[in-house]
Amino acid sequence: MMADTIQLPAISSGATLHLLNRATHAHGTWEEMMRALGEQDPVLLIEDGVTSLIRPPKALMALGERLYVLEEDLQARGVTSLLFEIGAQRIDMQGFVLLTERCERIISWF
């Protein structure tokens, strides 16, 4: 779904948006992110991070509706056909902006 039709869940006051731009199967950065993740913090997979959905770790799958994936990066990497059985939500750049507006802090995991 795109941001103009998606209903972003309520994000708690003080939430931190975590941006992951690396594939979980190729780098350990995601494990550091998971340790720092608050109970209500959303995660947005961007750039090569979207390929994490090819073989998603259980901890990432457990995020459910708190996991977002940038549509433009799915398209750029040719993985738009990935199934979102784990509850991840596709968002566009407008949705990305909405997430940043709703979160108090943003941490980029590179």
Protein backbone atom coordinates (compact mmCIF):
# COMPACT_ATOMS: atom_id res chain seq x y z
CA MET A 1 0.00 0.00 0.00
CA MET A 2 1.10 3.51 -0.60
CA ALA A 3 1.13 6.27 2.00
CA ASP A 4 -1.98 7.99 0.66
CA THR A 5 -4.04 4.86 1.40
CA ILE A 6 -2.12 3.33 4.29
CA GLN A 7 -3.23 3.91 7.83
CA LEU A 8 -0.04 4.12 9.82
CA PRO A 9 -0.52 2.71 13.30
CA ALA A 10 -0.37 5.11 16.19
CA ILE A 11 3.22 5.68 17.21
CA SER A 12 3.86 6.27 20.88
CA SER A 13 5.33 9.46 22.18
CA GLY A 14 9.09 9.26 22.26
CA ALA A 15 9.32 6.54 19.59
CA THR A 16 12.46 6.23 17.52
CA LEU A 17 12.35 5.38 13.81
CA HIS A 18 15.09 2.90 12.90
CA LEU A 19 16.29 2.96 9.28
CA LEU A 20 18.12 -0.16 8.10
CA ASN A 21 19.90 0.07 4.77
CA ARG A 22 21.81 -3.25 4.86
CA ALA A 23 20.59 -6.76 4.19
CA THR A 24 20.28 -8.82 7.36
CA HIS A 25 21.85 -11.85 5.68
CA ALA A 26 24.95 -9.92 4.64
CA HIS A 27 25.76 -7.82 7.69
CA GLY A 28 25.37 -7.90 11.49
CA THR A 29 24.21 -4.28 11.80
CA TRP A 30 20.60 -5.40 12.12
CA GLU A 31 21.42 -7.29 15.33
CA GLU A 32 22.71 -4.08 16.91
CA MET A 33 19.53 -2.35 15.79
CA MET A 34 17.34 -5.05 17.33
CA ARG A 35 19.12 -4.64 20.69
CA ALA A 36 18.48 -0.89 20.61
CA LEU A 37 14.86 -1.19 19.46
CA GLY A 38 12.18 0.03 21.85
CA GLU A 39 8.89 -1.85 22.24
CA GLN A 40 6.97 0.63 20.09
CA ASP A 41 9.73 1.70 17.69
CA PRO A 42 9.06 1.23 13.96
CA VAL A 43 11.69 -0.07 11.54
CA LEU A 44 11.94 1.01 7.91
CA LEU A 45 13.95 -1.11 5.48
CA ILE A 46 15.57 1.06 2.82
CA GLU A 47 18.16 0.58 0.08
CA ASP A 48 19.72 -2.93 0.34
CA GLY A 49 17.83 -3.47 3.59
CA VAL A 50 14.72 -4.37 1.56
CA THR A 51 16.42 -7.58 0.44
CA SER A 52 16.20 -8.76 4.06
CA LEU A 53 12.72 -9.95 3.19
CA ILE A 54 14.18 -12.68 0.99
CA ARG A 55 15.33 -14.59 4.10
CA PRO A 56 13.98 -12.59 7.05
CA PRO A 57 15.30 -13.44 10.51
CA LYS A 58 12.63 -14.43 13.05
CA ALA A 59 13.33 -11.33 15.15
CA LEU A 60 12.63 -9.10 12.15
CA MET A 61 9.48 -11.06 11.29
CA ALA A 62 8.21 -10.58 14.84
CA LEU A 63 7.97 -6.81 14.32
CA GLY A 64 4.75 -7.29 12.34
CA GLU A 65 3.05 -3.98 11.58
CA ARG A 66 6.00 -2.02 13.00
CA LEU A 67 8.07 -3.13 9.97
CA TYR A 68 7.93 -0.93 6.88
CA VAL A 69 9.60 -1.35 3.48
CA LEU A 70 10.28 1.47 1.03
CA GLU A 71 8.53 0.68 -2.25
CA GLU A 72 10.99 2.62 -4.41
CA ASP A 73 13.86 0.49 -3.11
CA LEU A 74 11.92 -2.74 -3.69
CA GLN A 75 11.45 -1.67 -7.30
CA ALA A 76 15.07 -0.56 -7.75
CA ARG A 77 16.29 -3.97 -6.59
CA GLY A 78 13.72 -5.95 -8.58
CA VAL A 79 12.16 -7.60 -5.54
CA THR A 80 8.64 -6.18 -5.68
CA SER A 81 7.16 -9.66 -5.81
CA LEU A 82 8.27 -10.49 -2.27
CA LEU A 83 5.37 -11.71 -0.19
CA PHE A 84 4.60 -9.80 2.97
CA GLU A 85 3.39 -12.70 5.08
CA ILE A 86 5.24 -11.27 8.05
CA GLY A 87 3.06 -8.16 8.18
CA ALA A 88 5.57 -5.70 6.73
CA GLN A 89 3.96 -2.72 5.07
CA ARG A 90 5.08 -1.20 1.79
CA ILE A 91 5.24 2.57 1.87
CA ASP A 92 6.34 5.20 -0.61
CA MET A 93 8.39 8.34 0.02
CA GLN A 94 5.33 10.14 1.36
CA GLY A 95 4.89 7.37 3.92
CA PHE A 96 8.57 7.69 4.79
CA VAL A 97 8.02 11.38 5.52
CA LEU A 98 4.95 10.58 7.65
CA LEU A 99 6.99 8.14 9.73
CA THR A 100 9.71 10.70 10.31
CA GLU A 101 7.12 13.28 11.38
CA ARG A 102 5.55 10.91 13.91
CA CYS A 103 8.79 9.80 15.55
CA GLU A 104 10.77 11.86 18.02
CA ARG A 105 14.14 10.50 16.88
CA ILE A 106 15.60 8.74 13.86
CA ILE A 107 18.55 6.36 13.91
CA SER A 108 20.17 5.23 10.65
CA TRP A 109 21.84 1.82 10.78
CA PHE A 110 24.50 1.67 8.05
